Amino acid sequence: MGTIINASGVLVADLTFPHNETYAPTKKLPVVFAFQSFERSRYLNPKITYTMWDLDEKNESLTPYHDFHGSNWAN
């Protein structure tokens, strides 16, 4: 029951980069996420999946998957 109580609330993941075209496109574009209320994440086991498309080659896409199980969530 303690885990359920500790996991109550909201874990927020924000895309922090790239944001609003504030970058020059490159072959290797970093993607950065930030977590708010990260102390809840140890109980929720968050995962992120997203897809990026090459606008010149419409059929080319990349779909990374990030599983944060086992991540160090210490402050």
C-alpha atoms as a PDB file:
ATOM      1  CA  MET A   1       0.000   0.000   0.000  1.00  0.00           C
ATOM      2  CA  GLY A   2       2.914   2.380   0.668  1.00  0.00           C
ATOM      3  CA  THR A   3       4.025   2.201  -2.968  1.00  0.00           C
ATOM      4  CA  ILE A   4       0.561   3.169  -4.200  1.00  0.00           C
ATOM      5  CA  ILE A   5       0.416   6.126  -1.830  1.00  0.00           C
ATOM      6  CA  ASN A   6       3.941   7.251  -2.756  1.00  0.00           C
ATOM      7  CA  ALA A   7       3.150   7.030  -6.482  1.00  0.00           C
ATOM      8  CA  SER A   8       0.049   9.198  -6.235  1.00  0.00           C
ATOM      9  CA  GLY A   9       0.352  12.530  -7.962  1.00  0.00           C
ATOM     10  CA  VAL A  10       1.778  13.441 -11.318  1.00  0.00           C
ATOM     11  CA  LEU A  11       5.103  12.773 -13.008  1.00  0.00           C
ATOM     12  CA  VAL A  12       5.664  15.322 -15.786  1.00  0.00           C
ATOM     13  CA  ALA A  13       8.099  14.766 -18.666  1.00  0.00           C
ATOM     14  CA  ASP A  14       8.832  17.821 -20.820  1.00  0.00           C
ATOM     15  CA  LEU A  15      10.681  18.017 -24.103  1.00  0.00           C
ATOM     16  CA  THR A  16      13.346  20.649 -23.401  1.00  0.00           C
ATOM     17  CA  PHE A  17      15.356  20.382 -26.626  1.00  0.00           C
ATOM     18  CA  PRO A  18      14.721  20.853 -29.509  1.00  0.00           C
ATOM     19  CA  HIS A  19      12.172  23.563 -28.819  1.00  0.00           C
ATOM     20  CA  ASN A  20      10.619  26.187 -31.102  1.00  0.00           C
ATOM     21  CA  GLU A  21      13.245  25.939 -33.862  1.00  0.00           C
ATOM     22  CA  THR A  22      16.004  27.348 -31.610  1.00  0.00           C
ATOM     23  CA  TYR A  23      18.593  25.057 -33.191  1.00  0.00           C
ATOM     24  CA  ALA A  24      20.348  24.378 -36.459  1.00  0.00           C
ATOM     25  CA  PRO A  25      19.298  20.975 -37.877  1.00  0.00           C
ATOM     26  CA  THR A  26      22.162  18.480 -37.968  1.00  0.00           C
ATOM     27  CA  LYS A  27      22.579  14.793 -38.791  1.00  0.00           C
ATOM     28  CA  LYS A  28      22.751  13.955 -35.069  1.00  0.00           C
ATOM     29  CA  LEU A  29      20.141  16.050 -33.288  1.00  0.00           C
ATOM     30  CA  PRO A  30      20.041  15.607 -29.496  1.00  0.00           C
ATOM     31  CA  VAL A  31      16.674  15.126 -27.829  1.00  0.00           C
ATOM     32  CA  VAL A  32      16.474  16.149 -24.157  1.00  0.00           C
ATOM     33  CA  PHE A  33      13.632  15.458 -21.727  1.00  0.00           C
ATOM     34  CA  ALA A  34      13.256  16.891 -18.221  1.00  0.00           C
ATOM     35  CA  PHE A  35      11.215  15.275 -15.439  1.00  0.00           C
ATOM     36  CA  GLN A  36       9.283  17.222 -12.814  1.00  0.00           C
ATOM     37  CA  SER A  37       8.312  15.503  -9.553  1.00  0.00           C
ATOM     38  CA  PHE A  38      10.899  12.867 -10.453  1.00  0.00           C
ATOM     39  CA  GLU A  39      10.765  11.303  -6.964  1.00  0.00           C
ATOM     40  CA  ARG A  40       7.548   9.536  -8.077  1.00  0.00           C
ATOM     41  CA  SER A  41       9.279   7.939 -11.062  1.00  0.00           C
ATOM     42  CA  ARG A  42      10.833   5.121  -9.045  1.00  0.00           C
ATOM     43  CA  TYR A  43       7.313   3.748  -8.507  1.00  0.00           C
ATOM     44  CA  LEU A  44       5.916   4.466 -11.980  1.00  0.00           C
ATOM     45  CA  ASN A  45       8.711   3.104 -14.238  1.00  0.00           C
ATOM     46  CA  PRO A  46       8.381   5.737 -17.004  1.00  0.00           C
ATOM     47  CA  LYS A  47       9.049   5.017 -20.675  1.00  0.00           C
ATOM     48  CA  ILE A  48       9.229   7.483 -23.589  1.00  0.00           C
ATOM     49  CA  THR A  49       8.721   6.715 -27.268  1.00  0.00           C
ATOM     50  CA  TYR A  50       8.731   9.334 -30.022  1.00  0.00           C
ATOM     51  CA  THR A  51       9.052   9.412 -33.798  1.00  0.00           C
ATOM     52  CA  MET A  52      11.099  11.827 -35.915  1.00  0.00           C
ATOM     53  CA  TRP A  53      10.651  12.096 -39.676  1.00  0.00           C
ATOM     54  CA  ASP A  54      13.030  13.279 -42.357  1.00  0.00           C
ATOM     55  CA  LEU A  55      10.986  15.957 -44.136  1.00  0.00           C
ATOM     56  CA  ASP A  56      13.012  15.521 -47.330  1.00  0.00           C
ATOM     57  CA  GLU A  57      12.648  11.729 -47.371  1.00  0.00           C
ATOM     58  CA  LYS A  58       9.018  11.196 -46.328  1.00  0.00           C
ATOM     59  CA  ASN A  59       9.482   7.452 -45.802  1.00  0.00           C
ATOM     60  CA  GLU A  60      12.503   7.848 -43.504  1.00  0.00           C
ATOM     61  CA  SER A  61      11.734   7.920 -39.786  1.00  0.00           C
ATOM     62  CA  LEU A  62      13.405   7.107 -36.480  1.00  0.00           C
ATOM     63  CA  THR A  63      11.486   5.901 -33.405  1.00  0.00           C
ATOM     64  CA  PRO A  64      13.660   5.808 -30.273  1.00  0.00           C
ATOM     65  CA  TYR A  65      12.420   4.105 -27.107  1.00  0.00           C
ATOM     66  CA  HIS A  66      13.736   4.968 -23.644  1.00  0.00           C
ATOM     67  CA  ASP A  67      12.980   2.776 -20.633  1.00  0.00           C
ATOM     68  CA  PHE A  68      14.014   4.502 -17.407  1.00  0.00           C
ATOM     69  CA  HIS A  69      13.719   1.383 -15.226  1.00  0.00           C
ATOM     70  CA  GLY A  70      16.854   1.199 -13.112  1.00  0.00           C
ATOM     71  CA  SER A  71      17.726   4.874 -13.613  1.00  0.00           C
ATOM     72  CA  ASN A  72      19.282   6.785 -10.735  1.00  0.00           C
ATOM     73  CA  TRP A  73      16.561   9.211  -9.622  1.00  0.00           C
ATOM     74  CA  ALA A  74      18.476  10.572  -6.605  1.00  0.00           C
ATOM     75  CA  ASN A  75      18.692  14.344  -6.229  1.00  0.00           C
END
